[in-house]
Amino acid sequence: WEIETLFGCLKSRGFNFEDTHLVDPERLSKLFALLALA
């Protein structure tokens, strides 16, 4: 449930990670690291 809550916050309930439509692995990695800190 903790993991699901984290993914929900990163995806649709706040940070909208999916809306970036990034596909480049290096850019995804950097953005994910930034989102984790945020």
PDB file of all heavy atoms in Angstrom:
ATOM      1  N   TRP A   1       0.825  -1.201   0.000  1.00  0.00           N
ATOM      2  CA  TRP A   1       0.000   0.000   0.000  1.00  0.00           C
ATOM      3  C   TRP A   1       0.865   1.259   0.000  1.00  0.00           C
ATOM      4  O   TRP A   1       0.536   2.249  -0.642  1.00  0.00           O
ATOM      5  CB  TRP A   1      -0.952  -0.008   1.194  1.00  0.00           C
ATOM      6  CG  TRP A   1      -1.950   1.091   1.096  1.00  0.00           C
ATOM      7  CD1 TRP A   1      -2.005   2.215   1.870  1.00  0.00           C
ATOM      8  CD2 TRP A   1      -3.016   1.216   0.164  1.00  0.00           C
ATOM      9  NE1 TRP A   1      -3.041   3.019   1.479  1.00  0.00           N
ATOM     10  CE2 TRP A   1      -3.677   2.421   0.422  1.00  0.00           C
ATOM     11  CE3 TRP A   1      -3.472   0.418  -0.884  1.00  0.00           C
ATOM     12  CZ2 TRP A   1      -4.765   2.851  -0.311  1.00  0.00           C
ATOM     13  CZ3 TRP A   1      -4.567   0.851  -1.615  1.00  0.00           C
ATOM     14  CH2 TRP A   1      -5.193   2.046  -1.324  1.00  0.00           C
ATOM     15  N   GLU A   2       1.994   1.241   0.717  1.00  0.00           N
ATOM     16  CA  GLU A   2       2.914   2.380   0.701  1.00  0.00           C
ATOM     17  C   GLU A   2       3.447   2.625  -0.708  1.00  0.00           C
ATOM     18  O   GLU A   2       3.524   3.769  -1.166  1.00  0.00           O
ATOM     19  CB  GLU A   2       4.077   2.141   1.659  1.00  0.00           C
ATOM     20  CG  GLU A   2       3.704   2.211   3.115  1.00  0.00           C
ATOM     21  CD  GLU A   2       4.866   1.892   4.025  1.00  0.00           C
ATOM     22  OE1 GLU A   2       6.014   1.840   3.552  1.00  0.00           O
ATOM     23  OE2 GLU A   2       4.632   1.697   5.233  1.00  0.00           O
ATOM     24  N   ILE A   3       3.803   1.544  -1.397  1.00  0.00           N
ATOM     25  CA  ILE A   3       4.330   1.666  -2.757  1.00  0.00           C
ATOM     26  C   ILE A   3       3.252   2.188  -3.699  1.00  0.00           C
ATOM     27  O   ILE A   3       3.499   3.071  -4.525  1.00  0.00           O
ATOM     28  CB  ILE A   3       4.894   0.311  -3.241  1.00  0.00           C
ATOM     29  CG1 ILE A   3       6.130  -0.051  -2.410  1.00  0.00           C
ATOM     30  CG2 ILE A   3       5.226   0.345  -4.731  1.00  0.00           C
ATOM     31  CD1 ILE A   3       6.598  -1.481  -2.578  1.00  0.00           C
ATOM     32  N   GLU A   4       2.029   1.660  -3.586  1.00  0.00           N
ATOM     33  CA  GLU A   4       0.917   2.128  -4.422  1.00  0.00           C
ATOM     34  C   GLU A   4       0.639   3.611  -4.182  1.00  0.00           C
ATOM     35  O   GLU A   4       0.357   4.360  -5.113  1.00  0.00           O
ATOM     36  CB  GLU A   4      -0.343   1.312  -4.147  1.00  0.00           C
ATOM     37  CG  GLU A   4      -0.289  -0.112  -4.650  1.00  0.00           C
ATOM     38  CD  GLU A   4      -0.277  -0.211  -6.169  1.00  0.00           C
ATOM     39  OE1 GLU A   4      -0.885   0.652  -6.849  1.00  0.00           O
ATOM     40  OE2 GLU A   4       0.357  -1.137  -6.684  1.00  0.00           O
ATOM     41  N   THR A   5       0.718   4.039  -2.934  1.00  0.00           N
ATOM     42  CA  THR A   5       0.498   5.444  -2.603  1.00  0.00           C
ATOM     43  C   THR A   5       1.572   6.314  -3.248  1.00  0.00           C
ATOM     44  O   THR A   5       1.270   7.368  -3.823  1.00  0.00           O
ATOM     45  CB  THR A   5       0.494   5.640  -1.080  1.00  0.00           C
ATOM     46  OG1 THR A   5      -0.533   4.824  -0.518  1.00  0.00           O
ATOM     47  CG2 THR A   5       0.244   7.078  -0.700  1.00  0.00           C
ATOM     48  N   LEU A   6       2.827   5.881  -3.176  1.00  0.00           N
ATOM     49  CA  LEU A   6       3.920   6.623  -3.812  1.00  0.00           C
ATOM     50  C   LEU A   6       3.686   6.735  -5.310  1.00  0.00           C
ATOM     51  O   LEU A   6       3.755   7.831  -5.875  1.00  0.00           O
ATOM     52  CB  LEU A   6       5.267   5.948  -3.549  1.00  0.00           C
ATOM     53  CG  LEU A   6       6.450   6.495  -4.352  1.00  0.00           C
ATOM     54  CD1 LEU A   6       6.725   7.945  -3.987  1.00  0.00           C
ATOM     55  CD2 LEU A   6       7.675   5.637  -4.150  1.00  0.00           C
ATOM     56  N   PHE A   7       3.389   5.620  -5.978  1.00  0.00           N
ATOM     57  CA  PHE A   7       3.170   5.661  -7.418  1.00  0.00           C
ATOM     58  C   PHE A   7       1.967   6.533  -7.767  1.00  0.00           C
ATOM     59  O   PHE A   7       1.984   7.258  -8.749  1.00  0.00           O
ATOM     60  CB  PHE A   7       2.990   4.257  -7.993  1.00  0.00           C
ATOM     61  CG  PHE A   7       4.263   3.483  -8.108  1.00  0.00           C
ATOM     62  CD1 PHE A   7       4.260   2.109  -8.043  1.00  0.00           C
ATOM     63  CD2 PHE A   7       5.484   4.117  -8.274  1.00  0.00           C
ATOM     64  CE1 PHE A   7       5.434   1.375  -8.153  1.00  0.00           C
ATOM     65  CE2 PHE A   7       6.665   3.407  -8.381  1.00  0.00           C
ATOM     66  CZ  PHE A   7       6.633   2.028  -8.323  1.00  0.00           C
ATOM     67  N   GLY A   8       0.914   6.469  -6.954  1.00  0.00           N
ATOM     68  CA  GLY A   8      -0.252   7.322  -7.193  1.00  0.00           C
ATOM     69  C   GLY A   8       0.106   8.792  -7.114  1.00  0.00           C
ATOM     70  O   GLY A   8      -0.335   9.601  -7.933  1.00  0.00           O
ATOM     71  N   CYS A   9       0.911   9.154  -6.129  1.00  0.00           N
ATOM     72  CA  CYS A   9       1.337  10.559  -5.988  1.00  0.00           C
ATOM     73  C   CYS A   9       2.220  10.985  -7.151  1.00  0.00           C
ATOM     74  O   CYS A   9       2.101  12.093  -7.669  1.00  0.00           O
ATOM     75  CB  CYS A   9       2.079  10.769  -4.674  1.00  0.00           C
ATOM     76  SG  CYS A   9       1.016  10.672  -3.232  1.00  0.00           S
ATOM     77  N   LEU A  10       3.109  10.116  -7.577  1.00  0.00           N
ATOM     78  CA  LEU A  10       4.001  10.458  -8.674  1.00  0.00           C
ATOM     79  C   LEU A  10       3.262  10.528 -10.004  1.00  0.00           C
ATOM     80  O   LEU A  10       3.630  11.298 -10.886  1.00  0.00           O
ATOM     81  CB  LEU A  10       5.147   9.449  -8.783  1.00  0.00           C
ATOM     82  CG  LEU A  10       6.167   9.463  -7.645  1.00  0.00           C
ATOM     83  CD1 LEU A  10       7.206   8.378  -7.859  1.00  0.00           C
ATOM     84  CD2 LEU A  10       6.816  10.814  -7.498  1.00  0.00           C
ATOM     85  N   LYS A  11       2.203   9.725 -10.155  1.00  0.00           N
ATOM     86  CA  LYS A  11       1.521   9.653 -11.446  1.00  0.00           C
ATOM     87  C   LYS A  11       0.342  10.614 -11.544  1.00  0.00           C
ATOM     88  O   LYS A  11       0.401  11.606 -12.249  1.00  0.00           O
ATOM     89  CB  LYS A  11       1.075   8.218 -11.700  1.00  0.00           C
ATOM     90  CG  LYS A  11       2.254   7.272 -11.944  1.00  0.00           C
ATOM     91  CD  LYS A  11       1.869   5.838 -11.906  1.00  0.00           C
ATOM     92  CE  LYS A  11       0.999   5.443 -13.058  1.00  0.00           C
ATOM     93  NZ  LYS A  11       0.705   4.039 -13.119  1.00  0.00           N
ATOM     94  N   SER A  12      -0.725  10.353 -10.829  1.00  0.00           N
ATOM     95  CA  SER A  12      -1.959  11.097 -11.090  1.00  0.00           C
ATOM     96  C   SER A  12      -2.416  12.009  -9.956  1.00  0.00           C
ATOM     97  O   SER A  12      -3.253  12.869 -10.166  1.00  0.00           O
ATOM     98  CB  SER A  12      -3.083  10.113 -11.423  1.00  0.00           C
ATOM     99  OG  SER A  12      -3.271   9.220 -10.343  1.00  0.00           O
ATOM    100  N   ARG A  13      -1.885  11.845  -8.759  1.00  0.00           N
ATOM    101  CA  ARG A  13      -2.354  12.651  -7.633  1.00  0.00           C
ATOM    102  C   ARG A  13      -1.315  13.681  -7.200  1.00  0.00           C
ATOM    103  O   ARG A  13      -1.018  13.808  -6.024  1.00  0.00           O
ATOM    104  CB  ARG A  13      -2.694  11.740  -6.446  1.00  0.00           C
ATOM    105  CG  ARG A  13      -3.908  10.897  -6.660  1.00  0.00           C
ATOM    106  CD  ARG A  13      -4.340  10.214  -5.380  1.00  0.00           C
ATOM    107  NE  ARG A  13      -3.249   9.601  -4.652  1.00  0.00           N
ATOM    108  CZ  ARG A  13      -3.033   8.302  -4.573  1.00  0.00           C
ATOM    109  NH1 ARG A  13      -3.799   7.463  -5.186  1.00  0.00           N
ATOM    110  NH2 ARG A  13      -2.027   7.841  -3.872  1.00  0.00           N
ATOM    111  N   GLY A  14      -0.761  14.405  -8.137  1.00  0.00           N
ATOM    112  CA  GLY A  14       0.157  15.445  -7.709  1.00  0.00           C
ATOM    113  C   GLY A  14       1.246  15.778  -8.704  1.00  0.00           C
ATOM    114  O   GLY A  14       1.263  16.849  -9.290  1.00  0.00           O
ATOM    115  N   PHE A  15       2.189  14.875  -8.925  1.00  0.00           N
ATOM    116  CA  PHE A  15       3.351  15.201  -9.747  1.00  0.00           C
ATOM    117  C   PHE A  15       3.138  14.941 -11.239  1.00  0.00           C
ATOM    118  O   PHE A  15       3.891  15.428 -12.063  1.00  0.00           O
ATOM    119  CB  PHE A  15       4.582  14.434  -9.251  1.00  0.00           C
ATOM    120  CG  PHE A  15       5.058  14.903  -7.907  1.00  0.00           C
ATOM    121  CD1 PHE A  15       4.772  14.178  -6.767  1.00  0.00           C
ATOM    122  CD2 PHE A  15       5.779  16.079  -7.776  1.00  0.00           C
ATOM    123  CE1 PHE A  15       5.207  14.610  -5.520  1.00  0.00           C
ATOM    124  CE2 PHE A  15       6.221  16.517  -6.533  1.00  0.00           C
ATOM    125  CZ  PHE A  15       5.932  15.778  -5.404  1.00  0.00           C
ATOM    126  N   ASN A  16       2.139  14.163 -11.592  1.00  0.00           N
ATOM    127  CA  ASN A  16       1.772  13.881 -12.992  1.00  0.00           C
ATOM    128  C   ASN A  16       2.963  13.449 -13.856  1.00  0.00           C
ATOM    129  O   ASN A  16       3.173  13.938 -14.961  1.00  0.00           O
ATOM    130  CB  ASN A  16       1.072  15.086 -13.609  1.00  0.00           C
ATOM    131  CG  ASN A  16      -0.222  15.388 -12.905  1.00  0.00           C
ATOM    132  OD1 ASN A  16      -0.910  14.475 -12.435  1.00  0.00           O
ATOM    133  ND2 ASN A  16      -0.559  16.649 -12.796  1.00  0.00           N
ATOM    134  N   PHE A  17       3.719  12.505 -13.349  1.00  0.00           N
ATOM    135  CA  PHE A  17       4.907  11.977 -14.031  1.00  0.00           C
ATOM    136  C   PHE A  17       4.586  11.491 -15.443  1.00  0.00           C
ATOM    137  O   PHE A  17       5.361  11.708 -16.373  1.00  0.00           O
ATOM    138  CB  PHE A  17       5.464  10.827 -13.176  1.00  0.00           C
ATOM    139  CG  PHE A  17       6.689  10.161 -13.717  1.00  0.00           C
ATOM    140  CD1 PHE A  17       7.863  10.853 -13.889  1.00  0.00           C
ATOM    141  CD2 PHE A  17       6.677   8.812 -14.027  1.00  0.00           C
ATOM    142  CE1 PHE A  17       9.004  10.235 -14.367  1.00  0.00           C
ATOM    143  CE2 PHE A  17       7.812   8.183 -14.500  1.00  0.00           C
ATOM    144  CZ  PHE A  17       8.968   8.894 -14.670  1.00  0.00           C
ATOM    145  N   GLU A  18       3.440  10.858 -15.639  1.00  0.00           N
ATOM    146  CA  GLU A  18       3.090  10.308 -16.951  1.00  0.00           C
ATOM    147  C   GLU A  18       2.832  11.384 -17.991  1.00  0.00           C
ATOM    148  O   GLU A  18       2.974  11.146 -19.189  1.00  0.00           O
ATOM    149  CB  GLU A  18       1.862   9.403 -16.831  1.00  0.00           C
ATOM    150  CG  GLU A  18       2.149   8.123 -16.088  1.00  0.00           C
ATOM    151  CD  GLU A  18       0.922   7.249 -15.949  1.00  0.00           C
ATOM    152  OE1 GLU A  18      -0.194   7.787 -15.889  1.00  0.00           O
ATOM    153  OE2 GLU A  18       1.089   6.030 -15.909  1.00  0.00           O
ATOM    154  N   ASP A  19       2.438  12.572 -17.546  1.00  0.00           N
ATOM    155  CA  ASP A  19       2.127  13.639 -18.496  1.00  0.00           C
ATOM    156  C   ASP A  19       3.351  14.170 -19.236  1.00  0.00           C
ATOM    157  O   ASP A  19       3.212  14.924 -20.196  1.00  0.00           O
ATOM    158  CB  ASP A  19       1.422  14.802 -17.788  1.00  0.00           C
ATOM    159  CG  ASP A  19       0.016  14.439 -17.347  1.00  0.00           C
ATOM    160  OD1 ASP A  19      -0.489  13.371 -17.765  1.00  0.00           O
ATOM    161  OD2 ASP A  19      -0.575  15.221 -16.581  1.00  0.00           O
ATOM    162  N   THR A  20       4.544  13.794 -18.796  1.00  0.00           N
ATOM    163  CA  THR A  20       5.756  14.278 -19.459  1.00  0.00           C
ATOM    164  C   THR A  20       5.967  13.594 -20.807  1.00  0.00           C
ATOM    165  O   THR A  20       6.590  14.161 -21.691  1.00  0.00           O
ATOM    166  CB  THR A  20       7.005  14.019 -18.597  1.00  0.00           C
ATOM    167  OG1 THR A  20       7.186  12.611 -18.443  1.00  0.00           O
ATOM    168  CG2 THR A  20       6.880  14.692 -17.248  1.00  0.00           C
ATOM    169  N   HIS A  21       5.478  12.370 -20.960  1.00  0.00           N
ATOM    170  CA  HIS A  21       5.626  11.571 -22.187  1.00  0.00           C
ATOM    171  C   HIS A  21       7.090  11.361 -22.560  1.00  0.00           C
ATOM    172  O   HIS A  21       7.418  11.200 -23.731  1.00  0.00           O
ATOM    173  CB  HIS A  21       4.864  12.199 -23.357  1.00  0.00           C
ATOM    174  CG  HIS A  21       3.406  12.356 -23.088  1.00  0.00           C
ATOM    175  ND1 HIS A  21       2.548  11.282 -23.001  1.00  0.00           N
ATOM    176  CD2 HIS A  21       2.653  13.454 -22.852  1.00  0.00           C
ATOM    177  CE1 HIS A  21       1.320  11.710 -22.742  1.00  0.00           C
ATOM    178  NE2 HIS A  21       1.359  13.029 -22.634  1.00  0.00           N
ATOM    179  N   LEU A  22       7.968  11.388 -21.566  1.00  0.00           N
ATOM    180  CA  LEU A  22       9.387  11.138 -21.831  1.00  0.00           C
ATOM    181  C   LEU A  22       9.611   9.670 -22.154  1.00  0.00           C
ATOM    182  O   LEU A  22       8.972   8.788 -21.576  1.00  0.00           O
ATOM    183  CB  LEU A  22      10.235  11.513 -20.612  1.00  0.00           C
ATOM    184  CG  LEU A  22      10.379  12.995 -20.295  1.00  0.00           C
ATOM    185  CD1 LEU A  22      11.175  13.180 -19.015  1.00  0.00           C
ATOM    186  CD2 LEU A  22      11.055  13.724 -21.435  1.00  0.00           C
ATOM    187  N   VAL A  23      10.535   9.401 -23.073  1.00  0.00           N
ATOM    188  CA  VAL A  23      10.884   8.023 -23.411  1.00  0.00           C
ATOM    189  C   VAL A  23      12.389   7.763 -23.314  1.00  0.00           C
ATOM    190  O   VAL A  23      12.814   6.620 -23.251  1.00  0.00           O
ATOM    191  CB  VAL A  23      10.376   7.633 -24.822  1.00  0.00           C
ATOM    192  CG1 VAL A  23       8.863   7.568 -24.840  1.00  0.00           C
ATOM    193  CG2 VAL A  23      10.870   8.594 -25.878  1.00  0.00           C
ATOM    194  N   ASP A  24      13.178   8.816 -23.314  1.00  0.00           N
ATOM    195  CA  ASP A  24      14.632   8.673 -23.224  1.00  0.00           C
ATOM    196  C   ASP A  24      15.003   8.201 -21.811  1.00  0.00           C
ATOM    197  O   ASP A  24      14.689   8.888 -20.826  1.00  0.00           O
ATOM    198  CB  ASP A  24      15.304  10.010 -23.528  1.00  0.00           C
ATOM    199  CG  ASP A  24      16.822   9.936 -23.424  1.00  0.00           C
ATOM    200  OD1 ASP A  24      17.395   8.966 -23.944  1.00  0.00           O
ATOM    201  OD2 ASP A  24      17.406  10.850 -22.807  1.00  0.00           O
ATOM    202  N   PRO A  25      15.665   7.035 -21.687  1.00  0.00           N
ATOM    203  CA  PRO A  25      15.981   6.486 -20.362  1.00  0.00           C
ATOM    204  C   PRO A  25      16.787   7.426 -19.472  1.00  0.00           C
ATOM    205  O   PRO A  25      16.550   7.505 -18.272  1.00  0.00           O
ATOM    206  CB  PRO A  25      16.780   5.220 -20.671  1.00  0.00           C
ATOM    207  CG  PRO A  25      16.394   4.850 -22.053  1.00  0.00           C
ATOM    208  CD  PRO A  25      16.076   6.133 -22.761  1.00  0.00           C
ATOM    209  N   GLU A  26      17.729   8.159 -20.056  1.00  0.00           N
ATOM    210  CA  GLU A  26      18.555   9.073 -19.249  1.00  0.00           C
ATOM    211  C   GLU A  26      17.705  10.217 -18.684  1.00  0.00           C
ATOM    212  O   GLU A  26      17.816  10.569 -17.511  1.00  0.00           O
ATOM    213  CB  GLU A  26      19.705   9.629 -20.084  1.00  0.00           C
ATOM    214  CG  GLU A  26      20.691  10.441 -19.256  1.00  0.00           C
ATOM    215  CD  GLU A  26      21.896  10.886 -20.069  1.00  0.00           C
ATOM    216  OE1 GLU A  26      22.288  10.173 -21.012  1.00  0.00           O
ATOM    217  OE2 GLU A  26      22.428  11.962 -19.741  1.00  0.00           O
ATOM    218  N   ARG A  27      16.845  10.772 -19.514  1.00  0.00           N
ATOM    219  CA  ARG A  27      15.974  11.855 -19.044  1.00  0.00           C
ATOM    220  C   ARG A  27      14.964  11.337 -18.024  1.00  0.00           C
ATOM    221  O   ARG A  27      14.664  12.021 -17.039  1.00  0.00           O
ATOM    222  CB  ARG A  27      15.245  12.501 -20.214  1.00  0.00           C
ATOM    223  CG  ARG A  27      16.144  13.359 -21.051  1.00  0.00           C
ATOM    224  CD  ARG A  27      15.382  14.046 -22.137  1.00  0.00           C
ATOM    225  NE  ARG A  27      16.239  14.994 -22.819  1.00  0.00           N
ATOM    226  CZ  ARG A  27      15.796  15.948 -23.597  1.00  0.00           C
ATOM    227  NH1 ARG A  27      14.511  16.104 -23.800  1.00  0.00           N
ATOM    228  NH2 ARG A  27      16.634  16.764 -24.179  1.00  0.00           N
ATOM    229  N   LEU A  28      14.428  10.144 -18.265  1.00  0.00           N
ATOM    230  CA  LEU A  28      13.495   9.542 -17.304  1.00  0.00           C
ATOM    231  C   LEU A  28      14.163   9.334 -15.957  1.00  0.00           C
ATOM    232  O   LEU A  28      13.579   9.595 -14.912  1.00  0.00           O
ATOM    233  CB  LEU A  28      12.975   8.199 -17.832  1.00  0.00           C
ATOM    234  CG  LEU A  28      11.852   8.266 -18.845  1.00  0.00           C
ATOM    235  CD1 LEU A  28      11.626   6.902 -19.471  1.00  0.00           C
ATOM    236  CD2 LEU A  28      10.579   8.758 -18.187  1.00  0.00           C
ATOM    237  N   SER A  29      15.395   8.863 -15.985  1.00  0.00           N
ATOM    238  CA  SER A  29      16.136   8.621 -14.751  1.00  0.00           C
ATOM    239  C   SER A  29      16.349   9.913 -13.966  1.00  0.00           C
ATOM    240  O   SER A  29      16.149   9.953 -12.745  1.00  0.00           O
ATOM    241  CB  SER A  29      17.485   7.977 -15.087  1.00  0.00           C
ATOM    242  OG  SER A  29      18.234   7.767 -13.926  1.00  0.00           O
ATOM    243  N   LYS A  30      16.730  10.969 -14.669  1.00  0.00           N
ATOM    244  CA  LYS A  30      16.944  12.259 -14.007  1.00  0.00           C
ATOM    245  C   LYS A  30      15.643  12.820 -13.446  1.00  0.00           C
ATOM    246  O   LYS A  30      15.604  13.320 -12.322  1.00  0.00           O
ATOM    247  CB  LYS A  30      17.571  13.255 -14.971  1.00  0.00           C
ATOM    248  CG  LYS A  30      19.012  12.940 -15.304  1.00  0.00           C
ATOM    249  CD  LYS A  30      19.574  13.911 -16.322  1.00  0.00           C
ATOM    250  CE  LYS A  30      21.004  13.543 -16.683  1.00  0.00           C
ATOM    251  NZ  LYS A  30      21.560  14.422 -17.710  1.00  0.00           N
ATOM    252  N   LEU A  31      14.573  12.726 -14.228  1.00  0.00           N
ATOM    253  CA  LEU A  31      13.287  13.233 -13.763  1.00  0.00           C
ATOM    254  C   LEU A  31      12.787  12.426 -12.568  1.00  0.00           C
ATOM    255  O   LEU A  31      12.281  12.980 -11.590  1.00  0.00           O
ATOM    256  CB  LEU A  31      12.245  13.204 -14.884  1.00  0.00           C
ATOM    257  CG  LEU A  31      10.855  13.696 -14.499  1.00  0.00           C
ATOM    258  CD1 LEU A  31      10.892  15.148 -13.995  1.00  0.00           C
ATOM    259  CD2 LEU A  31       9.895  13.561 -15.670  1.00  0.00           C
ATOM    260  N   PHE A  32      12.950  11.107 -12.623  1.00  0.00           N
ATOM    261  CA  PHE A  32      12.513  10.273 -11.510  1.00  0.00           C
ATOM    262  C   PHE A  32      13.291  10.592 -10.239  1.00  0.00           C
ATOM    263  O   PHE A  32      12.723  10.638  -9.150  1.00  0.00           O
ATOM    264  CB  PHE A  32      12.633   8.785 -11.857  1.00  0.00           C
ATOM    265  CG  PHE A  32      11.915   7.905 -10.890  1.00  0.00           C
ATOM    266  CD1 PHE A  32      10.536   7.835 -10.901  1.00  0.00           C
ATOM    267  CD2 PHE A  32      12.614   7.178  -9.947  1.00  0.00           C
ATOM    268  CE1 PHE A  32       9.861   7.038  -9.999  1.00  0.00           C
ATOM    269  CE2 PHE A  32      11.956   6.380  -9.041  1.00  0.00           C
ATOM    270  CZ  PHE A  32      10.573   6.307  -9.068  1.00  0.00           C
ATOM    271  N   ALA A  33      14.600  10.837 -10.369  1.00  0.00           N
ATOM    272  CA  ALA A  33      15.412  11.217  -9.205  1.00  0.00           C
ATOM    273  C   ALA A  33      14.924  12.541  -8.624  1.00  0.00           C
ATOM    274  O   ALA A  33      14.797  12.691  -7.401  1.00  0.00           O
ATOM    275  CB  ALA A  33      16.883  11.318  -9.598  1.00  0.00           C
ATOM    276  N   LEU A  34      14.606  13.496  -9.492  1.00  0.00           N
ATOM    277  CA  LEU A  34      14.094  14.786  -9.039  1.00  0.00           C
ATOM    278  C   LEU A  34      12.738  14.626  -8.356  1.00  0.00           C
ATOM    279  O   LEU A  34      12.482  15.216  -7.302  1.00  0.00           O
ATOM    280  CB  LEU A  34      13.981  15.745 -10.225  1.00  0.00           C
ATOM    281  CG  LEU A  34      13.479  17.144  -9.909  1.00  0.00           C
ATOM    282  CD1 LEU A  34      14.459  17.867  -8.989  1.00  0.00           C
ATOM    283  CD2 LEU A  34      13.277  17.930 -11.186  1.00  0.00           C
ATOM    284  N   LEU A  35      11.862  13.801  -8.934  1.00  0.00           N
ATOM    285  CA  LEU A  35      10.551  13.557  -8.332  1.00  0.00           C
ATOM    286  C   LEU A  35      10.682  12.852  -6.978  1.00  0.00           C
ATOM    287  O   LEU A  35       9.917  13.134  -6.055  1.00  0.00           O
ATOM    288  CB  LEU A  35       9.667  12.740  -9.269  1.00  0.00           C
ATOM    289  CG  LEU A  35       9.147  13.471 -10.504  1.00  0.00           C
ATOM    290  CD1 LEU A  35       8.375  12.511 -11.399  1.00  0.00           C
ATOM    291  CD2 LEU A  35       8.285  14.645 -10.111  1.00  0.00           C
ATOM    292  N   ALA A  36      11.634  11.950  -6.867  1.00  0.00           N
ATOM    293  CA  ALA A  36      11.850  11.259  -5.584  1.00  0.00           C
ATOM    294  C   ALA A  36      12.257  12.266  -4.506  1.00  0.00           C
ATOM    295  O   ALA A  36      11.759  12.212  -3.375  1.00  0.00           O
ATOM    296  CB  ALA A  36      12.909  10.172  -5.735  1.00  0.00           C
ATOM    297  N   LEU A  37      13.155  13.185  -4.854  1.00  0.00           N
ATOM    298  CA  LEU A  37      13.547  14.227  -3.896  1.00  0.00           C
ATOM    299  C   LEU A  37      12.375  15.141  -3.558  1.00  0.00           C
ATOM    300  O   LEU A  37      12.160  15.489  -2.398  1.00  0.00           O
ATOM    301  CB  LEU A  37      14.700  15.054  -4.468  1.00  0.00           C
ATOM    302  CG  LEU A  37      16.054  14.363  -4.539  1.00  0.00           C
ATOM    303  CD1 LEU A  37      17.044  15.224  -5.320  1.00  0.00           C
ATOM    304  CD2 LEU A  37      16.568  14.049  -3.157  1.00  0.00           C
ATOM    305  N   ALA A  38      11.605  15.530  -4.574  1.00  0.00           N
ATOM    306  CA  ALA A  38      10.448  16.401  -4.342  1.00  0.00           C
ATOM    307  C   ALA A  38       9.417  15.705  -3.467  1.00  0.00           C
ATOM    308  O   ALA A  38       8.850  16.307  -2.552  1.00  0.00           O
ATOM    309  CB  ALA A  38       9.833  16.815  -5.678  1.00  0.00           C
TER     310      ALA A  38
END
